[in-house]
Amino acid sequence: MALSNNNSKRAVLGTGALALAGLVSMPLQAADAEQIIRDRCLACHTESGDSAAPTFSRISEQRKTPEGWQMTLNRMIHLRDLEISAEEKRVLIKYLSDKQGLAPSEAAPYRYLLEQDTNLVEAGADQHLVETCARCHSEARSGLQRRAKDEWKMLVDFHMAQFPGIELHAGSRDRPWYQIATTQTVDTLFEKYPLVTEEWNNWKKADKADVMGRWRVTGYIPEKGEFDAWMSTAKTGDGRYDLTLEGHYADGTVLSGTGKATVYTGYEWRASVTIDDVKMRQVMALDANGQMEGRMFLATEREIGGALNAVKDQGMGQLVAVQPSYLRSGESAELTLIGAGLKGDIDLGEGVTVEKIVARGDDRITLVAKATGAEGPRTIKVGKAINNAALNVYSTLARVDVTPANAVTRIGGAGSEMEKVRATYRAVGYSAGADGKPGTDDDLRLGYMPASWSILPADEVAEHDKDHLYAGQINAAGIFVPGDAGPNPERKMSANNVGRLKVVATVNDGASKVDGEGSMLVAVPDFVRRVLD
């Protein structure tokens, strides 16, 4: 797989999925965590309460995701000279995430950050927090933690002590930033993200789903495409599992992999897997119905990845996906039904007929189908299988959206220590829906569609500067590779290869073609990231 050769040396501090997933078997257990805190942390923190329910100053007044606790420990190591083994660190992250984590509903609005979906523009954030915090942080950085009010206040003081120039930043120096931050900002953060919540109290008492067993997995890997597989998990410790993956890509190529996973807080799945010799990370959330949703991406390059879904085998017929998820009315096309226990008659919904069975098994059926009738989703049935998939019938492709709509890549390489930061694009097709007007809420989302890719200058200035000739290239799989770092003598004033581009997806729809556009900023290297040997 070509993906394995890029960014082999780049790692990101604080992106917890990189370190939280690849776990070794550990003799220490979560029960040892409190003693680790006593041995490693009480030089600065204090303990109170009885031995059965101890509390630790500053620590017990916070709740965070696994990635949040990992970042805290990293900061203690790098800024406070904490000495702690990798094994002890993993035990603490598991213990703190389980005991002082976030409920599923609390983390849900901000899963894009946990899943390392870096090319997303946040919308609807609190305007005050945008002005005081979002100059450096995403909204999700605040939203994925909970603190007592005094802890929010001390977080502001920490910023002042650690970054004394913060009041001189643009957006700060024209106002009494510290006064505002220690009053209005603290009040806003505590109101939105308090330590004690009904959601967390309820989650602590709730039954947790079991991940042991077999899972029907579907997903997408850039340059390889859609895939389906069986994932089997075997418990090795408290919330820790070995896993195997066996399946196929949409083109029939065999997929196989192995890895290790940890479940934090009763629902946060983190796994390190090697699929066809490529190291990848999985971040998913487990729900009460035995399903997981999230994202899988390259271990060395979080920008390159795709959606991941898993449905637990319940020992009964289950239909989990149809690939592709659309069928053009009046045309015949090949579809693959994916699930488990797919026995019995096949019904693709009103007006959709099965013309030919190409291959049939209990968990995968490939067939040729033809649709007629009105636009809209069809419910698929295979015998008595429980259905989690829909087939979208359409007559005309009305529009194509490019995802991500906005992306940032970064020049690099060319002998520099900073690797290039790429981006991966996909095209999503829509029909106009019942009202016949594209671009409205009534549009029918058809699903991801194959597209040809090209780049154009973003505007007249970008065209004048010939950004589309120097800033990078996009390949047939929709992966954008930015240009080399360093001065370019072919550009005006030997400028580097940054630029602003349009990314264009062209989808064939019968005899016509439909274009969609995304925005690309090719920026300078990300010097905040640390290059590790």
Protein backbone atom coordinates (compact mmCIF):
# COMPACT_ATOMS: atom_id res chain seq x y z
CA MET A 1 0.00 0.00 0.00
CA ALA A 2 1.55 3.29 -1.11
CA LEU A 3 0.36 5.08 1.99
CA SER A 4 2.92 3.41 4.21
CA ASN A 5 5.91 5.38 2.97
CA ASN A 6 4.84 8.92 3.84
CA ASN A 7 5.61 10.81 7.05
CA SER A 8 7.47 7.89 8.56
CA LYS A 9 9.15 10.08 11.20
CA ARG A 10 6.37 12.48 12.11
CA ALA A 11 4.48 12.14 15.38
CA VAL A 12 2.27 14.62 17.17
CA LEU A 13 2.45 15.35 20.85
CA GLY A 14 -0.98 15.43 22.43
CA THR A 15 -2.85 13.52 19.73
CA GLY A 16 -3.85 10.80 22.10
CA ALA A 17 -4.93 8.18 19.58
CA LEU A 18 -1.28 7.72 18.64
CA ALA A 19 -0.26 6.60 22.12
CA LEU A 20 -3.52 5.32 23.59
CA ALA A 21 -4.10 2.53 21.11
CA GLY A 22 -0.95 0.46 20.79
CA LEU A 23 -0.87 -1.20 24.18
CA VAL A 24 1.28 -4.00 25.48
CA SER A 25 0.18 -6.49 28.11
CA MET A 26 0.71 -4.96 31.52
CA PRO A 27 1.25 -6.55 34.90
CA LEU A 28 -0.01 -3.41 36.61
CA GLN A 29 -3.77 -3.03 36.98
CA ALA A 30 -6.05 -0.03 37.39
CA ALA A 31 -6.21 -0.77 41.11
CA ASP A 32 -2.55 0.24 41.30
CA ALA A 33 -3.28 3.69 39.87
CA GLU A 34 -3.96 5.40 43.21
CA GLN A 35 -0.63 4.18 44.53
CA ILE A 36 1.09 5.43 41.38
CA ILE A 37 -0.42 8.86 42.04
CA ARG A 38 0.89 8.73 45.61
CA ASP A 39 4.35 7.69 44.47
CA ARG A 40 4.68 9.99 41.45
CA CYS A 41 2.42 12.99 41.98
CA LEU A 42 2.28 13.95 45.66
CA ALA A 43 5.49 15.96 45.48
CA CYS A 44 3.19 18.68 44.08
CA HIS A 45 -0.36 17.45 44.74
CA THR A 46 -1.97 16.54 48.05
CA GLU A 47 -4.23 13.69 49.15
CA SER A 48 -7.32 13.95 51.31
CA GLY A 49 -10.33 11.81 52.17
CA ASP A 50 -10.20 8.22 53.40
CA SER A 51 -8.22 5.43 51.77
CA ALA A 52 -11.36 3.89 50.28
CA ALA A 53 -12.24 7.07 48.39
CA PRO A 54 -9.19 9.32 48.22
CA THR A 55 -9.17 12.68 46.48
CA PHE A 56 -6.12 14.35 45.02
CA SER A 57 -5.82 18.12 44.73
CA ARG A 58 -6.20 19.49 41.21
CA ILE A 59 -6.63 15.96 39.83
CA SER A 60 -9.98 15.04 41.37
CA GLU A 61 -11.54 18.36 40.33
CA GLN A 62 -11.33 17.54 36.61
CA ARG A 63 -12.86 15.15 34.10
CA LYS A 64 -11.31 14.51 30.70
CA THR A 65 -11.18 12.16 27.73
CA PRO A 66 -8.33 9.64 27.48
CA GLU A 67 -6.53 12.07 25.17
CA GLY A 68 -7.06 14.86 27.69
CA TRP A 69 -5.48 12.86 30.51
CA GLN A 70 -2.62 11.87 28.25
CA MET A 71 -1.97 15.53 27.44
CA THR A 72 -1.99 16.34 31.17
CA LEU A 73 0.61 13.69 31.89
CA ASN A 74 2.72 14.78 28.91
CA ARG A 75 2.69 18.32 30.27
CA MET A 76 3.74 17.12 33.72
CA ILE A 77 6.61 15.17 32.15
CA HIS A 78 7.87 17.96 29.90
CA LEU A 79 7.24 20.98 32.12
CA ARG A 80 7.28 19.62 35.67
CA ASP A 81 9.91 16.86 35.42
CA LEU A 82 7.50 14.08 36.32
CA GLU A 83 9.29 10.74 36.24
CA ILE A 84 6.91 7.96 35.28
CA SER A 85 7.28 4.77 33.28
CA ALA A 86 5.31 4.14 30.11
CA GLU A 87 3.49 1.30 31.87
CA GLU A 88 2.53 3.50 34.82
CA LYS A 89 1.39 6.24 32.44
CA ARG A 90 -0.95 3.85 30.61
CA VAL A 91 -2.42 2.61 33.88
CA LEU A 92 -3.10 6.18 35.01
CA ILE A 93 -4.75 7.16 31.72
CA LYS A 94 -7.05 4.13 31.93
CA TYR A 95 -7.88 4.74 35.60
CA LEU A 96 -8.53 8.47 35.25
CA SER A 97 -10.55 8.04 32.05
CA ASP A 98 -12.76 5.42 33.69
CA LYS A 99 -13.17 7.27 37.00
CA GLN A 100 -13.16 10.87 35.74
CA GLY A 101 -14.09 10.75 32.08
CA LEU A 102 -16.90 12.20 29.97
CA ALA A 103 -20.30 10.64 29.38
CA PRO A 104 -21.05 9.70 25.76
CA SER A 105 -23.49 12.59 25.37
CA GLU A 106 -20.90 15.04 26.72
CA ALA A 107 -18.23 13.97 24.23
CA ALA A 108 -20.58 13.52 21.25
CA PRO A 109 -20.56 17.13 19.94
CA TYR A 110 -16.76 17.14 19.75
CA ARG A 111 -15.88 13.72 18.45
CA TYR A 112 -14.18 15.22 15.41
CA LEU A 113 -11.25 16.24 17.60
CA LEU A 114 -10.95 12.80 19.19
CA GLU A 115 -11.10 11.22 15.75
CA GLN A 116 -8.34 13.54 14.49
CA ASP A 117 -10.57 15.01 11.78
CA THR A 118 -8.35 18.06 11.47
CA ASN A 119 -9.93 19.67 8.40
CA LEU A 120 -13.20 20.81 9.93
CA VAL A 121 -14.43 24.35 10.48
CA GLU A 122 -16.30 24.68 13.77
CA ALA A 123 -19.64 26.46 13.68
CA GLY A 124 -21.95 27.79 16.36
CA ALA A 125 -19.30 28.22 19.04
CA ASP A 126 -19.90 30.57 21.96
CA GLN A 127 -18.79 33.99 20.71
CA HIS A 128 -17.15 34.97 23.97
CA LEU A 129 -15.05 31.80 24.01
CA VAL A 130 -14.16 32.39 20.37
CA GLU A 131 -12.77 35.79 21.30
CA THR A 132 -10.87 34.68 24.40
CA CYS A 133 -9.89 31.06 23.73
CA ALA A 134 -10.29 30.16 20.05
CA ARG A 135 -7.35 32.29 18.96
CA CYS A 136 -5.26 29.30 20.07
CA HIS A 137 -7.68 26.44 20.76
CA SER A 138 -10.61 24.77 19.04
CA GLU A 139 -13.96 24.85 20.81
CA ALA A 140 -13.60 21.10 21.23
CA ARG A 141 -10.48 21.57 23.35
CA SER A 142 -12.61 23.22 26.04
CA GLY A 143 -15.69 21.09 25.39
CA LEU A 144 -13.87 17.81 25.99
CA GLN A 145 -13.14 18.52 29.64
CA ARG A 146 -15.10 19.33 32.78
CA ARG A 147 -13.79 21.25 35.79
CA ALA A 148 -14.83 22.70 39.12
CA LYS A 149 -15.15 26.48 38.94
CA ASP A 150 -11.91 27.07 40.85
CA GLU A 151 -10.17 24.76 38.38
CA TRP A 152 -11.34 26.84 35.44
CA LYS A 153 -10.00 29.91 37.22
CA MET A 154 -6.64 28.21 37.85
CA LEU A 155 -6.50 27.20 34.19
CA VAL A 156 -6.62 30.90 33.27
CA ASP A 157 -3.87 31.62 35.77
CA PHE A 158 -1.81 28.80 34.30
CA HIS A 159 -2.07 30.40 30.88
CA MET A 160 -0.89 33.72 32.30
CA ALA A 161 2.08 32.07 34.03
CA GLN A 162 3.06 29.78 31.19
CA PHE A 163 2.42 32.26 28.37
CA PRO A 164 2.97 35.74 29.84
CA GLY A 165 2.65 37.37 26.44
CA ILE A 166 -0.92 36.18 26.04
CA GLU A 167 -2.31 39.65 26.86
CA LEU A 168 -0.32 41.08 23.95
CA HIS A 169 -1.86 38.84 21.31
CA ALA A 170 -4.14 40.35 18.70
CA GLY A 171 -7.61 40.34 20.19
CA SER A 172 -6.25 40.64 23.73
CA ARG A 173 -4.26 43.86 23.98
CA ASP A 174 -7.24 46.09 23.15
CA ARG A 175 -9.14 44.98 26.28
CA PRO A 176 -8.49 44.02 29.93
CA TRP A 177 -7.95 40.40 28.93
CA TYR A 178 -6.99 38.97 32.32
CA GLN A 179 -9.91 40.64 34.09
CA ILE A 180 -12.33 39.35 31.47
CA ALA A 181 -10.76 35.86 31.43
CA THR A 182 -10.91 35.44 35.22
CA THR A 183 -14.53 36.57 35.48
CA GLN A 184 -16.73 36.29 32.40
CA THR A 185 -14.70 33.54 30.73
CA VAL A 186 -14.50 31.42 33.88
CA ASP A 187 -18.24 31.85 34.43
CA THR A 188 -18.99 30.84 30.83
CA LEU A 189 -16.73 27.78 30.94
CA PHE A 190 -18.18 26.60 34.25
CA GLU A 191 -21.74 27.11 33.04
CA LYS A 192 -21.12 25.14 29.85
CA TYR A 193 -18.73 22.52 31.22
CA PRO A 194 -19.24 21.96 34.99
CA LEU A 195 -17.57 19.15 36.92
CA VAL A 196 -20.79 17.57 38.21
CA THR A 197 -23.47 16.77 35.62
CA GLU A 198 -26.53 14.57 35.40
CA GLU A 199 -25.13 12.97 32.25
CA TRP A 200 -21.99 11.80 34.01
CA ASN A 201 -23.83 10.61 37.12
CA ASN A 202 -26.19 8.57 34.96
CA TRP A 203 -23.37 7.13 32.86
CA LYS A 204 -21.45 5.94 35.91
CA LYS A 205 -24.49 3.85 36.90
CA ALA A 206 -25.35 2.64 33.39
CA ASP A 207 -24.65 -0.87 32.13
CA LYS A 208 -21.70 -0.89 29.74
CA ALA A 209 -21.77 -2.81 26.47
CA ASP A 210 -19.43 -5.75 26.04
CA VAL A 211 -16.98 -5.59 23.12
CA MET A 212 -15.95 -9.25 23.28
CA GLY A 213 -16.85 -11.23 20.18
CA ARG A 214 -17.13 -10.61 16.44
CA TRP A 215 -17.87 -7.31 14.73
CA ARG A 216 -18.96 -6.62 11.16
CA VAL A 217 -16.80 -3.69 10.11
CA THR A 218 -17.13 -1.35 7.15
CA GLY A 219 -14.91 1.59 6.32
CA TYR A 220 -12.75 3.47 3.87
CA ILE A 221 -8.99 3.64 3.37
CA PRO A 222 -7.68 6.30 0.95
CA GLU A 223 -6.06 4.83 -2.18
CA LYS A 224 -7.58 1.43 -1.34
CA GLY A 225 -11.27 2.33 -1.16
CA GLU A 226 -14.28 0.93 0.66
CA PHE A 227 -13.84 -2.30 2.59
CA ASP A 228 -15.75 -4.73 4.76
CA ALA A 229 -14.28 -7.15 7.28
CA TRP A 230 -14.86 -9.30 10.33
CA MET A 231 -13.13 -7.99 13.44
CA SER A 232 -12.71 -10.44 16.33
CA THR A 233 -11.77 -9.32 19.84
CA ALA A 234 -10.23 -11.37 22.66
CA LYS A 235 -9.95 -9.89 26.15
CA THR A 236 -6.44 -9.68 27.60
CA GLY A 237 -7.03 -7.45 30.63
CA ASP A 238 -9.20 -4.75 32.13
CA GLY A 239 -10.73 -3.14 29.06
CA ARG A 240 -7.91 -4.41 26.84
CA TYR A 241 -8.23 -6.65 23.80
CA ASP A 242 -6.32 -8.37 21.03
CA LEU A 243 -8.04 -8.10 17.67
CA THR A 244 -7.87 -9.57 14.19
CA LEU A 245 -9.35 -8.27 10.93
CA GLU A 246 -10.19 -10.35 7.88
CA GLY A 247 -12.09 -8.99 4.90
CA HIS A 248 -12.13 -7.52 1.40
CA TYR A 249 -11.84 -4.20 -0.35
CA ALA A 250 -14.59 -3.29 -2.79
CA ASP A 251 -12.44 -4.45 -5.71
CA GLY A 252 -12.16 -7.92 -4.17
CA THR A 253 -8.63 -7.57 -2.83
CA VAL A 254 -8.15 -9.42 0.45
CA LEU A 255 -7.64 -7.37 3.64
CA SER A 256 -6.10 -8.69 6.84
CA GLY A 257 -4.76 -7.18 10.02
CA THR A 258 -4.05 -7.57 13.71
CA GLY A 259 -3.86 -5.15 16.60
CA LYS A 260 -4.62 -4.22 20.17
CA ALA A 261 -7.43 -2.11 21.59
CA THR A 262 -8.42 -0.46 24.84
CA VAL A 263 -11.91 0.63 25.86
CA TYR A 264 -11.88 3.70 28.12
CA THR A 265 -14.81 5.06 30.15
CA GLY A 266 -16.93 2.12 29.08
CA TYR A 267 -17.35 3.28 25.47
CA GLU A 268 -14.22 4.98 24.08
CA TRP A 269 -12.57 2.50 21.68
CA ARG A 270 -8.92 3.12 20.82
CA ALA A 271 -7.04 0.59 18.72
CA SER A 272 -3.66 0.26 17.08
CA VAL A 273 -3.84 -2.04 14.05
CA THR A 274 -1.56 -3.14 11.27
CA ILE A 275 -3.52 -3.73 8.06
CA ASP A 276 -1.59 -5.14 5.13
CA ASP A 277 1.69 -3.97 6.75
CA VAL A 278 0.38 -0.42 7.25
CA LYS A 279 0.10 0.85 10.82
CA MET A 280 -3.22 2.57 11.53
CA ARG A 281 -5.23 3.91 14.46
CA GLN A 282 -8.93 3.50 15.22
CA VAL A 283 -11.01 5.92 17.30
CA MET A 284 -14.64 4.95 17.81
CA ALA A 285 -17.50 5.43 20.27
CA LEU A 286 -19.50 2.40 21.41
CA ASP A 287 -23.25 2.76 21.91
CA ALA A 288 -25.72 0.72 23.94
CA ASN A 289 -26.98 -1.08 20.83
CA GLY A 290 -23.70 -2.82 20.09
CA GLN A 291 -22.52 -0.45 17.39
CA MET A 292 -19.38 1.65 17.07
CA GLU A 293 -18.75 4.65 14.83
CA GLY A 294 -15.63 6.68 14.30
CA ARG A 295 -12.59 7.03 12.11
CA MET A 296 -9.46 5.09 11.13
CA PHE A 297 -6.31 6.86 9.96
CA LEU A 298 -2.60 6.34 9.35
CA ALA A 299 -0.56 6.08 12.55
CA THR A 300 2.04 8.47 11.13
CA GLU A 301 -0.39 10.80 9.34
CA ARG A 302 -3.72 11.48 10.96
CA GLU A 303 -4.98 13.51 7.98
CA ILE A 304 -5.15 10.39 5.81
CA GLY A 305 -8.09 8.24 6.86
CA GLY A 306 -11.80 7.64 6.61
CA ALA A 307 -15.02 6.71 8.37
CA LEU A 308 -15.20 3.43 10.29
CA ASN A 309 -18.29 1.58 11.48
CA ALA A 310 -18.68 -1.66 13.41
CA VAL A 311 -21.80 -3.66 14.30
CA LYS A 312 -21.53 -6.51 16.79
CA ASP A 313 -22.56 -9.96 15.62
CA GLN A 314 -25.73 -10.75 17.56
CA GLY A 315 -26.04 -14.28 16.24
CA MET A 316 -28.93 -13.34 13.94
CA GLY A 317 -29.36 -11.93 10.46
CA GLN A 318 -27.98 -8.41 10.16
CA LEU A 319 -27.58 -6.13 7.16
CA VAL A 320 -25.08 -3.38 7.95
CA ALA A 321 -24.26 -1.69 4.62
CA VAL A 322 -24.78 -1.59 0.89
CA GLN A 323 -21.90 -0.49 -1.35
CA PRO A 324 -22.41 1.74 -3.22
CA SER A 325 -25.37 3.27 -1.40
CA TYR A 326 -27.08 4.63 -4.54
CA LEU A 327 -28.63 3.39 -7.78
CA ARG A 328 -29.52 5.53 -10.80
CA SER A 329 -33.07 4.92 -12.02
CA GLY A 330 -33.20 3.09 -15.34
CA GLU A 331 -29.65 1.77 -15.11
CA SER A 332 -28.22 -1.56 -14.04
CA ALA A 333 -25.38 -1.52 -11.53
CA GLU A 334 -23.51 -3.88 -9.25
CA LEU A 335 -24.23 -3.66 -5.53
CA THR A 336 -22.71 -5.46 -2.55
CA LEU A 337 -24.83 -6.22 0.51
CA ILE A 338 -22.75 -6.58 3.67
CA GLY A 339 -23.84 -8.14 6.93
CA ALA A 340 -24.13 -11.44 8.77
CA GLY A 341 -26.55 -14.35 8.42
CA LEU A 342 -27.82 -13.04 5.08
CA LYS A 343 -30.14 -15.93 4.29
CA GLY A 344 -33.49 -15.86 2.55
CA ASP A 345 -35.09 -13.81 -0.18
CA ILE A 346 -33.56 -10.53 -1.28
CA ASP A 347 -35.85 -7.50 -1.46
CA LEU A 348 -34.24 -4.22 -2.54
CA GLY A 349 -37.36 -2.12 -2.13
CA GLU A 350 -40.09 -0.77 -4.36
CA GLY A 351 -39.17 -0.63 -8.02
CA VAL A 352 -35.73 -2.22 -7.58
CA THR A 353 -35.23 -5.65 -9.15
CA VAL A 354 -32.37 -8.12 -8.84
CA GLU A 355 -31.18 -8.97 -12.33
CA LYS A 356 -28.31 -11.27 -11.41
CA ILE A 357 -26.60 -12.76 -8.36
CA VAL A 358 -22.85 -12.47 -8.97
CA ALA A 359 -21.71 -14.07 -5.69
CA ARG A 360 -23.52 -15.01 -2.51
CA GLY A 361 -22.35 -15.85 0.98
CA ASP A 362 -23.80 -15.57 4.47
CA ASP A 363 -22.08 -12.23 5.09
CA ARG A 364 -21.59 -10.74 1.61
CA ILE A 365 -23.85 -10.73 -1.46
CA THR A 366 -22.81 -9.19 -4.78
CA LEU A 367 -25.60 -8.67 -7.31
CA VAL A 368 -26.68 -6.62 -10.29
CA ALA A 369 -29.80 -4.49 -9.73
CA LYS A 370 -31.98 -2.09 -11.71
CA ALA A 371 -34.24 0.63 -10.31
CA THR A 372 -37.42 2.32 -11.50
CA GLY A 373 -39.95 4.54 -9.82
CA ALA A 374 -39.73 7.60 -7.62
CA GLU A 375 -36.57 9.02 -6.12
CA GLY A 376 -35.89 8.23 -2.51
CA PRO A 377 -34.41 5.70 -0.10
CA ARG A 378 -35.35 2.03 -0.31
CA THR A 379 -35.36 -0.35 2.63
CA ILE A 380 -33.42 -3.52 1.86
CA LYS A 381 -34.44 -6.91 3.22
CA VAL A 382 -32.62 -10.22 3.15
CA GLY A 383 -34.80 -12.82 4.79
CA LYS A 384 -35.33 -11.75 8.40
CA ALA A 385 -32.08 -9.80 8.67
CA ILE A 386 -32.21 -6.64 10.79
CA ASN A 387 -31.55 -3.74 8.45
CA ASN A 388 -29.13 -0.88 9.12
CA ALA A 389 -28.63 0.06 5.47
CA ALA A 390 -30.58 2.02 2.87
CA LEU A 391 -30.33 2.17 -0.91
CA ASN A 392 -30.92 5.61 -2.44
CA VAL A 393 -32.62 5.65 -5.84
CA TYR A 394 -32.23 8.81 -7.92
CA SER A 395 -32.87 10.01 -11.46
CA THR A 396 -30.44 12.93 -11.82
CA LEU A 397 -27.35 13.93 -9.90
CA ALA A 398 -28.12 17.51 -8.84
CA ARG A 399 -24.94 18.49 -7.02
CA VAL A 400 -21.63 17.23 -5.69
CA ASP A 401 -20.15 18.30 -2.40
CA VAL A 402 -16.43 17.98 -1.80
CA THR A 403 -15.41 16.88 1.66
CA PRO A 404 -13.66 18.41 3.48
CA ALA A 405 -15.12 21.68 2.28
CA ASN A 406 -12.07 23.50 3.67
CA ALA A 407 -8.66 21.97 4.22
CA VAL A 408 -5.18 23.04 5.21
CA THR A 409 -2.09 21.25 3.95
CA ARG A 410 1.53 22.20 4.57
CA ILE A 411 4.62 22.24 2.41
CA GLY A 412 7.59 20.25 3.65
CA GLY A 413 10.22 17.72 2.71
CA ALA A 414 13.00 18.75 0.32
CA GLY A 415 15.58 18.02 2.98
CA SER A 416 13.78 19.83 5.79
CA GLU A 417 12.89 18.15 9.08
CA MET A 418 9.18 18.91 8.62
CA GLU A 419 7.30 16.41 6.50
CA LYS A 420 4.55 17.43 4.12
CA VAL A 421 1.02 17.47 5.55
CA ARG A 422 -1.38 16.04 2.99
CA ALA A 423 -5.18 15.96 2.77
CA THR A 424 -7.61 13.41 1.40
CA TYR A 425 -10.80 14.36 -0.42
CA ARG A 426 -14.02 12.55 -1.27
CA ALA A 427 -17.04 13.46 -3.39
CA VAL A 428 -20.59 13.20 -2.00
CA GLY A 429 -23.48 13.14 -4.43
CA TYR A 430 -26.99 14.56 -3.93
CA SER A 431 -30.21 14.50 -5.91
CA ALA A 432 -32.57 17.46 -5.74
CA GLY A 433 -35.17 15.68 -3.64
CA ALA A 434 -38.93 16.05 -3.72
CA ASP A 435 -38.90 19.82 -4.26
CA GLY A 436 -36.64 19.52 -7.32
CA LYS A 437 -34.42 22.35 -6.09
CA PRO A 438 -30.76 21.49 -5.44
CA GLY A 439 -29.09 23.09 -2.46
CA THR A 440 -32.05 22.87 -0.07
CA ASP A 441 -32.70 20.79 3.04
CA ASP A 442 -34.83 18.50 0.91
CA ASP A 443 -31.84 17.21 -1.09
CA LEU A 444 -31.30 13.44 -0.93
CA ARG A 445 -27.79 12.44 0.10
CA LEU A 446 -26.81 9.58 -2.17
CA GLY A 447 -23.41 8.80 -0.69
CA TYR A 448 -19.77 8.86 -1.69
CA MET A 449 -19.18 8.70 -5.44
CA PRO A 450 -16.09 8.05 -7.58
CA ALA A 451 -14.72 11.25 -9.05
CA SER A 452 -11.88 12.60 -11.12
CA TRP A 453 -9.86 15.31 -9.36
CA SER A 454 -8.20 18.54 -10.42
CA ILE A 455 -7.02 21.82 -8.89
CA LEU A 456 -7.56 25.44 -9.91
CA PRO A 457 -6.37 28.77 -8.48
CA ALA A 458 -8.71 30.03 -5.77
CA ASP A 459 -9.09 33.55 -7.21
CA GLU A 460 -7.42 36.15 -9.44
CA VAL A 461 -4.54 36.71 -7.03
CA ALA A 462 -3.84 32.98 -6.80
CA GLU A 463 -4.04 32.73 -10.59
CA HIS A 464 -1.62 35.64 -10.98
CA ASP A 465 0.81 33.95 -8.58
CA LYS A 466 0.31 30.61 -10.39
CA ASP A 467 -0.48 28.81 -7.15
CA HIS A 468 -1.98 25.89 -9.07
CA LEU A 469 1.38 25.23 -10.72
CA TYR A 470 3.52 25.27 -7.58
CA ALA A 471 1.46 24.62 -4.45
CA GLY A 472 0.92 20.91 -5.04
CA GLN A 473 -0.92 18.19 -6.92
CA ILE A 474 -3.92 15.94 -6.37
CA ASN A 475 -3.87 12.31 -7.44
CA ALA A 476 -6.59 10.06 -8.82
CA ALA A 477 -7.53 8.88 -5.32
CA GLY A 478 -8.28 12.44 -4.14
CA ILE A 479 -5.11 12.80 -2.04
CA PHE A 480 -3.53 16.24 -2.27
CA VAL A 481 0.26 16.38 -1.93
CA PRO A 482 1.62 19.90 -1.27
CA GLY A 483 4.79 21.28 -2.82
CA ASP A 484 8.31 21.22 -1.44
CA ALA A 485 9.47 23.48 1.37
CA GLY A 486 12.01 26.23 0.79
CA PRO A 487 12.40 29.09 -1.70
CA ASN A 488 11.39 28.40 -5.30
CA PRO A 489 13.45 30.40 -7.80
CA GLU A 490 10.73 29.92 -10.42
CA ARG A 491 8.29 32.00 -8.36
CA LYS A 492 8.18 35.75 -8.01
CA MET A 493 10.82 36.88 -5.49
CA SER A 494 11.75 33.18 -5.06
CA ALA A 495 8.69 32.71 -2.83
CA ASN A 496 7.98 29.32 -1.30
CA ASN A 497 5.28 26.96 -2.57
CA VAL A 498 2.33 28.05 -0.45
CA GLY A 499 -0.91 28.94 -2.18
CA ARG A 500 -4.70 28.99 -2.27
CA LEU A 501 -6.55 26.54 -4.48
CA LYS A 502 -9.89 25.15 -5.48
CA VAL A 503 -10.13 21.36 -5.39
CA VAL A 504 -12.55 20.17 -8.07
CA ALA A 505 -14.33 16.80 -8.11
CA THR A 506 -15.97 15.76 -11.38
CA VAL A 507 -18.55 12.96 -11.18
CA ASN A 508 -19.96 11.24 -14.25
CA ASP A 509 -23.74 10.92 -14.22
CA GLY A 510 -24.85 9.13 -17.34
CA ALA A 511 -23.90 11.33 -20.28
CA SER A 512 -23.40 14.44 -18.12
CA LYS A 513 -20.76 15.55 -15.66
CA VAL A 514 -21.31 17.33 -12.35
CA ASP A 515 -18.59 19.32 -10.59
CA GLY A 516 -18.11 20.14 -6.92
CA GLU A 517 -15.53 22.40 -5.33
CA GLY A 518 -13.60 22.47 -2.08
CA SER A 519 -11.18 25.02 -0.70
CA MET A 520 -7.49 24.32 -0.08
CA LEU A 521 -4.94 26.44 1.77
CA VAL A 522 -1.38 25.25 1.26
CA ALA A 523 0.47 26.73 4.22
CA VAL A 524 3.99 26.84 5.64
CA PRO A 525 5.31 23.87 7.67
CA ASP A 526 3.67 23.27 11.03
CA PHE A 527 6.55 24.12 13.32
CA VAL A 528 4.41 23.43 16.41
CA ARG A 529 4.66 19.73 15.70
CA ARG A 530 7.69 17.98 17.07
CA VAL A 531 9.66 15.66 14.85
CA LEU A 532 10.62 12.44 16.64
CA ASP A 533 13.32 9.99 15.58
